[in-house]
Amino acid sequence: MSSIFGHALIGVALGDNAQVANKKEKALVCLFFLALSICPDLDYLPTWIFGLDMEPRYSHSVAACLLIALSGLAIKRFVLTGLLKHASFWLMLLAPLSHVALDYFVGVHRN
């Protein structure tokens, strides 16, 4: 079964693909991609905090992954300007999509 550790590891591996100049930027990029790759599991928060059972899980859709990637792009452009200059949009899109793919391939949810 996929775990938050597995999703985070894939995110760090994707962040490691960015060509950066120094170790500080490399660490920031890896943390950024780690966050993007575990983002689809944020729909667990209402379940854990309030006991709500949400079905279907919209955060595990391709549309939600696109919104997560666009949010990452907005953070890159407006919040962390200059610090994430080597993080490409395609890698930002691949991070949340890797989460959904890993869940699918290990059979986390019923069809």
Protein backbone atom coordinates (compact mmCIF):
# COMPACT_ATOMS: atom_id res chain seq x y z
CA MET A 1 0.00 0.00 0.00
CA SER A 2 1.27 3.47 -0.76
CA SER A 3 2.14 5.66 2.19
CA ILE A 4 2.79 9.31 2.83
CA PHE A 5 6.48 8.39 2.97
CA GLY A 6 6.32 6.82 -0.49
CA HIS A 7 4.53 9.84 -1.95
CA ALA A 8 7.03 12.19 -0.30
CA LEU A 9 9.97 10.19 -1.62
CA ILE A 10 8.69 10.47 -5.18
CA GLY A 11 8.21 14.22 -4.70
CA VAL A 12 11.78 14.64 -3.48
CA ALA A 13 13.05 12.56 -6.41
CA LEU A 14 11.17 14.82 -8.83
CA GLY A 15 12.55 17.92 -7.12
CA ASP A 16 16.03 16.48 -7.41
CA ASN A 17 15.68 16.68 -11.21
CA ALA A 18 15.72 20.49 -11.13
CA GLN A 19 19.10 21.89 -12.11
CA VAL A 20 19.98 24.26 -9.26
CA ALA A 21 23.03 26.30 -8.38
CA ASN A 22 23.41 25.63 -4.65
CA LYS A 23 22.37 23.28 -1.84
CA LYS A 24 19.95 25.75 -0.25
CA GLU A 25 17.94 26.04 -3.44
CA LYS A 26 18.08 22.26 -3.94
CA ALA A 27 16.63 21.68 -0.45
CA LEU A 28 13.87 24.24 -1.04
CA VAL A 29 12.95 22.75 -4.42
CA CYS A 30 12.86 19.23 -2.95
CA LEU A 31 10.59 20.39 -0.09
CA PHE A 32 8.35 22.19 -2.55
CA PHE A 33 7.93 19.06 -4.67
CA LEU A 34 7.42 16.96 -1.56
CA ALA A 35 4.49 19.21 -0.64
CA LEU A 36 3.05 19.02 -4.17
CA SER A 37 3.24 15.23 -4.19
CA ILE A 38 1.37 14.74 -0.90
CA CYS A 39 -1.20 17.46 -1.59
CA PRO A 40 -3.88 15.09 -2.98
CA ASP A 41 -4.15 13.51 0.49
CA LEU A 42 -5.31 16.79 2.05
CA ASP A 43 -8.86 15.51 1.73
CA TYR A 44 -8.08 13.25 4.67
CA LEU A 45 -7.96 16.26 7.00
CA PRO A 46 -11.77 16.61 7.33
CA THR A 47 -11.94 12.86 8.01
CA TRP A 48 -9.27 12.98 10.70
CA ILE A 49 -10.41 16.23 12.31
CA PHE A 50 -14.20 16.08 12.01
CA GLY A 51 -14.88 12.42 11.24
CA LEU A 52 -16.42 13.24 7.84
CA ASP A 53 -16.30 10.50 5.23
CA MET A 54 -15.92 12.13 1.82
CA GLU A 55 -16.74 10.13 -1.28
CA PRO A 56 -15.79 10.54 -4.07
CA ARG A 57 -12.32 11.83 -3.34
CA TYR A 58 -12.06 14.73 -5.76
CA SER A 59 -8.50 15.59 -4.76
CA HIS A 60 -7.39 12.35 -6.42
CA SER A 61 -8.60 13.42 -9.89
CA VAL A 62 -6.64 14.73 -12.84
CA ALA A 63 -8.46 18.08 -12.57
CA ALA A 64 -7.44 18.45 -8.93
CA CYS A 65 -3.84 17.58 -9.83
CA LEU A 66 -3.92 20.34 -12.45
CA LEU A 67 -5.24 22.79 -9.85
CA ILE A 68 -2.49 21.74 -7.43
CA ALA A 69 0.13 22.28 -10.14
CA LEU A 70 -1.33 25.69 -11.02
CA SER A 71 -1.29 26.61 -7.32
CA GLY A 72 2.35 25.57 -7.22
CA LEU A 73 3.04 27.75 -10.25
CA ALA A 74 1.34 30.71 -8.52
CA ILE A 75 3.44 30.14 -5.40
CA LYS A 76 6.55 29.97 -7.56
CA ARG A 77 5.76 33.21 -9.38
CA PHE A 78 4.29 35.36 -6.59
CA VAL A 79 5.49 34.06 -3.22
CA LEU A 80 8.85 32.38 -3.70
CA THR A 81 10.00 34.59 -6.55
CA GLY A 82 13.50 33.69 -7.62
CA LEU A 83 13.89 30.79 -5.19
CA LEU A 84 12.13 28.24 -7.37
CA LYS A 85 13.29 29.49 -10.75
CA HIS A 86 14.46 26.02 -11.81
CA ALA A 87 11.20 24.24 -10.95
CA SER A 88 9.44 23.55 -14.24
CA PHE A 89 5.67 23.46 -14.61
CA TRP A 90 5.81 19.95 -16.07
CA LEU A 91 7.56 18.61 -12.99
CA MET A 92 5.02 20.50 -10.85
CA LEU A 93 2.23 18.73 -12.73
CA LEU A 94 3.96 15.37 -12.49
CA ALA A 95 4.29 15.56 -8.68
CA PRO A 96 0.55 15.35 -7.80
CA LEU A 97 -0.09 13.04 -10.77
CA SER A 98 2.54 10.66 -9.38
CA HIS A 99 0.51 10.49 -6.17
CA VAL A 100 -2.62 9.45 -8.02
CA ALA A 101 -0.69 6.97 -10.18
CA LEU A 102 0.97 5.36 -7.16
CA ASP A 103 -2.39 5.00 -5.39
CA TYR A 104 -3.86 3.47 -8.54
CA PHE A 105 -1.04 1.00 -9.15
CA VAL A 106 -0.92 -0.30 -5.59
CA GLY A 107 -4.71 -0.67 -5.39
CA VAL A 108 -5.46 1.69 -2.53
CA HIS A 109 -9.12 2.19 -3.47
CA ARG A 110 -11.77 0.01 -4.97
CA ASN A 111 -12.71 0.57 -8.61
